[in-house]
Amino acid sequence: MKTLANTRAARGPDHHPSDPDRDPDPDPYAAFRLADFRLLISVWLLMSLTVRMQVVALGWDIYERTGSALAVGYVGLALFVPTLLLFLPAGQIADRHDRRVLLVISCIITMLAALGLAWAAMSQATLGWMYASIGVGAIAQAINKPARSALLPSIVPASILPNAVSWTTGAMQLASVAGPSLAGLLIASTGGAFTVYWTVVAINLIAVVLVLRIRHRERPGGQSGFALGDLFAGVVHMWSTPVILGAALLDLLVVLFSGASGLLPVYAKDILHVGPAGLGWLTAASAAGAIVMIFTLNHLPPSPRPGRRFLWAVAGFGAFTLLFGASTSFGLSLGALFIMGALNSISVVTRHTLVQSHTPVELRGRVSSVNGVFTGSSNELGQFEAGAVASLSSPVIAVVSGGLATLFLVAVIARRFPDLRNLNSLTQLTSRQ
């Protein structure tokens, strides 16, 4: 009699979930059985880790020098502007060139930017030099994100793409917890941020080695050059694909109007009265919930109605945002943030799987790049919106109004995009390719 593992091996990685003799239970670690995926998720984790580490180090470094919150705020601007300017050409480059090579190039650029920051930290160079180095690092991220996102469905069969997306989401959540902690330890042990920058260089060097070991050699097709129509092809595809557009719009608007994470320092100090230590717990609660949900999703069978699950998850996120906003209990606030992180994981996994599985291979770089701007810019603008509303009214009103806005937006998107609401498969397009 064949064992379960032998049965899976005999069927191969392309065994589709619609096969009549499919396994009764999903393999929660199906993606990890592919060597290329193990390498790619390791690279994904390392790159996400260095981004989180560097953001913490930059905030501490610049504030230590200047004592100016505005100077720290310019870090976000230096990160955002290159992303906004480059997201269209970066997506097209990811569709025209070897994505492995692009990942290596982005790692090298990241190392150069980190070396510039390390030199600035050790020599007390001007802030202008630091902002320039931050901008160079942002260019690397603009290249990196669409390349790695587009590479994922090329090395993972359609039938296990949701599993792979879920694990890469978990890797990013793990980085969001480990990165700031590691950066804090390095700064505390050496008294300066320069060790963080040198660590970023070392980690990216390891990432280069791992990328070069990926065996997949597919080179996306397409014509050379940068025709205007090709440049905007990702935008056009998103606009003409209701399930992607609906999910991306909902994410953009919810994060824009529900910026509870941006007000965590205010809640820790003035509302919950738990100080810096409590702020650390509040920050970690959401990521912890996300990680727990990632493991849960990968041990459950695929949802027969992923569209409705996505909408209910976002609605639940809005409801628990209301609870967090009104809470004056530290324990209740921690619980609300934990559940918000878990529900947000369902949303993120669904959205990213839809983007990859409902996009032709020749457009994945451009669509991933557009999707990255949707999610990335909304986080930064959401924090600004929450701060602006809080300054005009109160932090509680800012968060509670964001929760109410989320519930309203879910209702609007569910009604406006019936294809998303009635979606019954996350891999409809990819499974036909």
Foldseek 3Di string as FASTA:
>chain_A
DDDPVVVDVVCPQQDAPVDPPDDPFFDLCSQVVFPLLVLLLLLLLLVLLLVLQVLLQLLCLQCVVPVDPVLNVVLVVLLQVLLVVCLLVLLLCLLAWWLLVLLLVLLVQLLVLLVQVLVCFVVVDDVVSNSVSSNSNSNSVSNNQLSSLLVLCVRHHLRCSLSSLLVSVLSSLVSNLVNNVVSVVVCVVPVHNSVSSVVSNVSSVVSNVSSVPNPDGDGRDDDDDCDPCSSCVLVVLCVPDLQLVLLLVLLLLLLQQAQLLLCLVVCCVPQQNPPPVLSSLLSSLLSQLQNVLSSVVSRGPDDQFLLQLLLVLLLLLLVLLLVLLPDSHSVSNSVSSSSNSNSVSSSSSLNSLLLNQVDPSSSSSSNSSVSCCSNVVSNVNNSVQLVVVCVVPRNSCSRNSSSVVSNVSSVVSVVVRVCSRRDRDSRVRSSVD
